[in-house]
């Protein structure tokens, strides 16, 4: 089963957020999915909004575009700080990341 099939089994949209308190600033996420993640001048990673704006509010979320789903999931899996959380929009259940069931 592919990541897309697994995550989209119920047809739910996904969103992603970063816990900056755990971010190590390695930039792996920005390497995998620069359309979704970016390092700021403080050395921490943040998600980007649809208009490419850095979302710096604590707990800020952004939708995961289906074409980038694998890259976002790989970012969550490879993140040394285990700070990337991917969850379903409908019920806010984490499907990838440190709190995934």
N, C-alpha and C. Protein backbone atom coordinates (compact mmCIF):
# COMPACT_ATOMS: atom_id res chain seq x y z
N UNK A 1 0.85 -1.18 0.00
CA UNK A 1 0.00 0.00 0.00
C UNK A 1 0.89 1.24 0.00
N UNK A 2 0.60 2.20 -0.86
CA UNK A 2 1.39 3.42 -0.92
C UNK A 2 1.00 4.36 0.21
N UNK A 3 1.83 5.35 0.44
CA UNK A 3 1.53 6.36 1.46
C UNK A 3 0.21 7.04 1.14
N UNK A 4 0.00 7.37 -0.15
CA UNK A 4 -1.24 8.05 -0.54
C UNK A 4 -2.46 7.18 -0.25
N UNK A 5 -2.39 5.89 -0.59
CA UNK A 5 -3.51 4.99 -0.33
C UNK A 5 -3.75 4.83 1.16
N UNK A 6 -2.67 4.69 1.91
CA UNK A 6 -2.78 4.51 3.36
C UNK A 6 -3.40 5.73 4.03
N UNK A 7 -2.88 6.91 3.71
CA UNK A 7 -3.35 8.13 4.36
C UNK A 7 -4.71 8.57 3.85
N UNK A 8 -5.00 8.29 2.61
CA UNK A 8 -6.24 8.77 2.01
C UNK A 8 -7.32 7.70 1.97
N UNK A 9 -7.12 6.63 2.72
CA UNK A 9 -8.09 5.55 2.72
C UNK A 9 -9.51 6.01 2.94
N UNK A 10 -9.70 6.99 3.82
CA UNK A 10 -11.03 7.50 4.07
C UNK A 10 -11.33 8.75 3.27
N UNK A 11 -10.42 9.13 2.39
CA UNK A 11 -10.63 10.33 1.58
C UNK A 11 -10.43 11.61 2.36
N UNK A 12 -9.88 11.52 3.56
CA UNK A 12 -9.68 12.70 4.40
C UNK A 12 -8.54 13.56 3.91
N UNK A 13 -8.72 14.86 4.00
CA UNK A 13 -7.63 15.80 3.76
C UNK A 13 -6.69 15.74 4.96
N UNK A 14 -5.42 16.06 4.71
CA UNK A 14 -4.42 16.05 5.76
C UNK A 14 -3.83 17.44 5.94
N UNK A 15 -3.35 17.69 7.15
CA UNK A 15 -2.67 18.94 7.46
C UNK A 15 -1.41 18.60 8.24
N UNK A 16 -0.47 19.54 8.26
CA UNK A 16 0.80 19.32 8.94
C UNK A 16 1.14 20.53 9.79
N UNK A 17 1.80 20.28 10.91
CA UNK A 17 2.30 21.34 11.78
C UNK A 17 3.61 20.90 12.40
N UNK A 18 4.38 21.87 12.88
CA UNK A 18 5.68 21.59 13.48
C UNK A 18 5.68 22.12 14.91
N UNK A 19 6.19 21.30 15.82
CA UNK A 19 6.38 21.72 17.21
C UNK A 19 7.78 22.32 17.31
N UNK A 20 7.88 23.65 17.27
CA UNK A 20 9.18 24.31 17.28
C UNK A 20 9.95 24.05 18.57
N UNK A 21 9.28 23.69 19.65
CA UNK A 21 9.98 23.39 20.90
C UNK A 21 10.87 22.16 20.75
N UNK A 22 10.56 21.29 19.78
CA UNK A 22 11.33 20.07 19.55
C UNK A 22 12.22 20.15 18.32
N UNK A 23 12.05 21.18 17.51
CA UNK A 23 12.78 21.31 16.26
C UNK A 23 14.28 21.46 16.52
N UNK A 24 15.08 20.67 15.80
CA UNK A 24 16.53 20.72 15.94
C UNK A 24 17.18 21.59 14.87
N UNK A 25 16.39 22.08 13.92
CA UNK A 25 16.91 22.95 12.88
C UNK A 25 17.77 22.28 11.84
N UNK A 26 17.65 20.95 11.72
CA UNK A 26 18.46 20.22 10.75
C UNK A 26 18.08 20.55 9.30
N UNK A 27 16.84 20.94 9.07
CA UNK A 27 16.41 21.33 7.73
C UNK A 27 16.06 20.19 6.80
N UNK A 28 15.97 18.98 7.34
CA UNK A 28 15.61 17.83 6.51
C UNK A 28 14.24 18.04 5.88
N UNK A 29 13.32 18.60 6.64
CA UNK A 29 11.97 18.82 6.12
C UNK A 29 11.99 19.76 4.92
N UNK A 30 12.78 20.83 5.01
CA UNK A 30 12.86 21.79 3.91
C UNK A 30 13.55 21.19 2.69
N UNK A 31 14.40 20.21 2.91
CA UNK A 31 15.03 19.51 1.78
C UNK A 31 14.02 18.61 1.08
N UNK A 32 13.22 17.89 1.86
CA UNK A 32 12.22 16.98 1.29
C UNK A 32 11.06 17.74 0.63
N UNK A 33 10.55 18.75 1.30
CA UNK A 33 9.34 19.44 0.82
C UNK A 33 9.48 20.95 1.01
N UNK A 34 10.30 21.62 0.19
CA UNK A 34 10.49 23.06 0.35
C UNK A 34 9.23 23.87 0.07
N UNK A 35 8.26 23.27 -0.58
CA UNK A 35 6.99 23.96 -0.83
C UNK A 35 6.15 24.06 0.44
N UNK A 36 6.45 23.21 1.43
CA UNK A 36 5.66 23.12 2.66
C UNK A 36 6.43 23.62 3.88
N UNK A 37 7.74 23.41 3.92
CA UNK A 37 8.57 23.72 5.09
C UNK A 37 9.67 24.71 4.72
N UNK A 38 10.04 25.53 5.72
CA UNK A 38 11.15 26.46 5.52
C UNK A 38 11.79 26.77 6.86
N UNK A 39 13.11 26.94 6.87
CA UNK A 39 13.81 27.38 8.07
C UNK A 39 13.75 28.90 8.13
N UNK A 40 13.52 29.42 9.31
CA UNK A 40 13.49 30.87 9.50
C UNK A 40 14.85 31.33 10.03
N UNK A 41 15.00 32.63 10.22
CA UNK A 41 16.28 33.17 10.70
C UNK A 41 16.61 32.70 12.12
N UNK A 42 15.60 32.21 12.85
CA UNK A 42 15.86 31.68 14.20
C UNK A 42 16.42 30.25 14.15
N UNK A 43 16.55 29.69 12.94
CA UNK A 43 17.11 28.35 12.79
C UNK A 43 16.10 27.23 12.93
N UNK A 44 14.84 27.56 13.13
CA UNK A 44 13.80 26.55 13.30
C UNK A 44 12.95 26.44 12.05
N UNK A 45 12.34 25.27 11.88
CA UNK A 45 11.48 25.03 10.73
C UNK A 45 10.04 25.44 11.04
N UNK A 46 9.38 25.92 9.99
CA UNK A 46 7.97 26.31 10.06
C UNK A 46 7.27 25.81 8.81
N UNK A 47 5.95 25.68 8.90
CA UNK A 47 5.16 25.37 7.71
C UNK A 47 4.86 26.66 6.97
N UNK A 48 4.55 26.50 5.68
CA UNK A 48 4.23 27.65 4.86
C UNK A 48 2.76 27.57 4.43
N UNK A 49 2.15 28.74 4.34
CA UNK A 49 0.77 28.83 3.90
C UNK A 49 0.67 28.72 2.39
N UNK A 50 -0.56 28.72 1.91
CA UNK A 50 -0.81 28.59 0.48
C UNK A 50 -0.16 29.70 -0.32
N UNK A 51 0.01 30.87 0.28
CA UNK A 51 0.62 32.00 -0.40
C UNK A 51 2.14 32.04 -0.21
N UNK A 52 2.71 30.93 0.25
CA UNK A 52 4.15 30.77 0.48
C UNK A 52 4.66 31.56 1.68
N UNK A 53 3.73 32.07 2.50
CA UNK A 53 4.09 32.83 3.69
C UNK A 53 4.44 31.88 4.83
N UNK A 54 5.51 32.19 5.55
CA UNK A 54 5.92 31.40 6.70
C UNK A 54 4.90 31.60 7.82
N UNK A 55 4.37 30.51 8.35
CA UNK A 55 3.36 30.57 9.41
C UNK A 55 4.07 30.36 10.75
N UNK A 56 4.29 31.44 11.48
CA UNK A 56 5.11 31.38 12.68
C UNK A 56 4.31 31.29 13.98
N UNK A 57 3.00 31.31 13.90
CA UNK A 57 2.20 31.18 15.12
C UNK A 57 2.35 29.76 15.67
N UNK A 58 2.40 29.65 16.98
CA UNK A 58 2.53 28.34 17.61
C UNK A 58 1.36 27.44 17.19
N UNK A 59 1.70 26.25 16.71
CA UNK A 59 0.67 25.29 16.30
C UNK A 59 0.06 25.57 14.94
N UNK A 60 0.65 26.49 14.17
CA UNK A 60 0.11 26.81 12.84
C UNK A 60 0.12 25.57 11.95
N UNK A 61 -0.97 25.39 11.23
CA UNK A 61 -1.10 24.22 10.35
C UNK A 61 -1.26 24.68 8.91
N UNK A 62 -0.90 23.76 8.01
CA UNK A 62 -1.10 24.01 6.59
C UNK A 62 -1.57 22.72 5.95
N UNK A 63 -2.39 22.81 4.91
CA UNK A 63 -2.84 21.59 4.22
C UNK A 63 -1.66 20.88 3.56
N UNK A 64 -1.76 19.57 3.47
CA UNK A 64 -0.76 18.78 2.77
C UNK A 64 -1.27 18.54 1.34
N UNK A 65 -0.62 19.15 0.35
CA UNK A 65 -1.05 18.91 -1.03
C UNK A 65 -0.79 17.45 -1.41
N UNK A 66 -1.75 16.80 -2.02
CA UNK A 66 -1.61 15.38 -2.35
C UNK A 66 -0.33 15.08 -3.12
N UNK A 67 0.08 15.89 -4.11
CA UNK A 67 1.32 15.57 -4.82
C UNK A 67 2.57 15.59 -3.93
N UNK A 68 2.48 16.26 -2.78
CA UNK A 68 3.63 16.36 -1.87
C UNK A 68 3.50 15.46 -0.64
N UNK A 69 2.47 14.65 -0.60
CA UNK A 69 2.21 13.83 0.58
C UNK A 69 3.39 12.94 0.94
N UNK A 70 3.96 12.24 -0.02
CA UNK A 70 5.08 11.36 0.27
C UNK A 70 6.27 12.14 0.83
N UNK A 71 6.55 13.31 0.26
CA UNK A 71 7.66 14.13 0.75
C UNK A 71 7.41 14.62 2.17
N UNK A 72 6.18 15.00 2.48
CA UNK A 72 5.85 15.47 3.83
C UNK A 72 5.95 14.32 4.82
N UNK A 73 5.46 13.13 4.44
CA UNK A 73 5.54 11.96 5.32
C UNK A 73 7.00 11.57 5.54
N UNK A 74 7.81 11.59 4.48
CA UNK A 74 9.23 11.28 4.63
C UNK A 74 9.90 12.28 5.57
N UNK A 75 9.50 13.55 5.49
CA UNK A 75 10.03 14.56 6.41
C UNK A 75 9.72 14.20 7.85
N UNK A 76 8.48 13.81 8.10
CA UNK A 76 8.07 13.44 9.46
C UNK A 76 8.84 12.21 9.95
N UNK A 77 9.02 11.25 9.07
CA UNK A 77 9.72 10.01 9.46
C UNK A 77 11.20 10.24 9.71
N UNK A 78 11.83 11.14 8.95
CA UNK A 78 13.28 11.35 9.03
C UNK A 78 13.69 12.45 10.00
N UNK A 79 12.75 13.21 10.49
CA UNK A 79 13.06 14.35 11.35
C UNK A 79 13.73 13.89 12.65
N UNK A 80 14.97 14.35 12.91
CA UNK A 80 15.65 13.92 14.15
C UNK A 80 15.00 14.48 15.41
N UNK A 81 14.29 15.61 15.28
CA UNK A 81 13.63 16.19 16.44
C UNK A 81 12.25 15.62 16.70
N UNK A 82 11.77 14.77 15.78
CA UNK A 82 10.43 14.17 15.88
C UNK A 82 9.40 15.25 16.20
N UNK A 83 9.42 16.32 15.40
CA UNK A 83 8.56 17.47 15.69
C UNK A 83 7.51 17.73 14.62
N UNK A 84 7.47 16.90 13.57
CA UNK A 84 6.53 17.11 12.47
C UNK A 84 5.32 16.21 12.66
N UNK A 85 4.15 16.82 12.65
CA UNK A 85 2.90 16.10 12.91
C UNK A 85 1.97 16.22 11.69
N UNK A 86 1.57 15.08 11.15
CA UNK A 86 0.63 15.04 10.03
C UNK A 86 -0.65 14.41 10.54
N UNK A 87 -1.76 15.12 10.39
CA UNK A 87 -3.02 14.60 10.93
C UNK A 87 -4.15 14.81 9.94
N UNK A 88 -5.21 14.00 10.15
CA UNK A 88 -6.42 14.16 9.35
C UNK A 88 -7.13 15.43 9.80
N UNK A 89 -7.68 16.16 8.84
CA UNK A 89 -8.41 17.38 9.15
C UNK A 89 -9.71 17.06 9.86
N UNK A 90 -10.38 16.00 9.42
CA UNK A 90 -11.73 15.70 9.92
C UNK A 90 -11.80 15.43 11.42
N UNK A 91 -10.84 14.67 11.94
CA UNK A 91 -10.90 14.31 13.36
C UNK A 91 -9.61 14.66 14.12
N UNK A 92 -8.66 15.29 13.41
CA UNK A 92 -7.39 15.74 14.00
C UNK A 92 -6.56 14.60 14.58
N UNK A 93 -6.75 13.39 14.07
CA UNK A 93 -5.96 12.25 14.51
C UNK A 93 -4.64 12.24 13.73
N UNK A 94 -3.54 12.14 14.46
CA UNK A 94 -2.23 12.11 13.82
C UNK A 94 -2.03 10.78 13.11
N UNK A 95 -1.66 10.85 11.83
CA UNK A 95 -1.42 9.64 11.05
C UNK A 95 0.05 9.40 10.78
N UNK A 96 0.87 10.45 10.86
CA UNK A 96 2.31 10.34 10.75
C UNK A 96 2.92 11.34 11.73
N UNK A 97 4.02 10.90 12.36
CA UNK A 97 4.69 11.75 13.32
C UNK A 97 4.83 11.05 14.65
N UNK A 98 5.37 11.74 15.65
CA UNK A 98 5.66 11.11 16.93
C UNK A 98 4.43 10.65 17.71
N UNK A 99 3.28 11.23 17.46
CA UNK A 99 2.07 10.85 18.20
C UNK A 99 1.13 9.96 17.39
N UNK A 100 1.60 9.45 16.24
CA UNK A 100 0.77 8.58 15.39
C UNK A 100 0.50 7.27 16.12
N UNK A 101 -0.73 6.82 15.97
CA UNK A 101 -1.14 5.58 16.65
C UNK A 101 -0.72 4.36 15.86
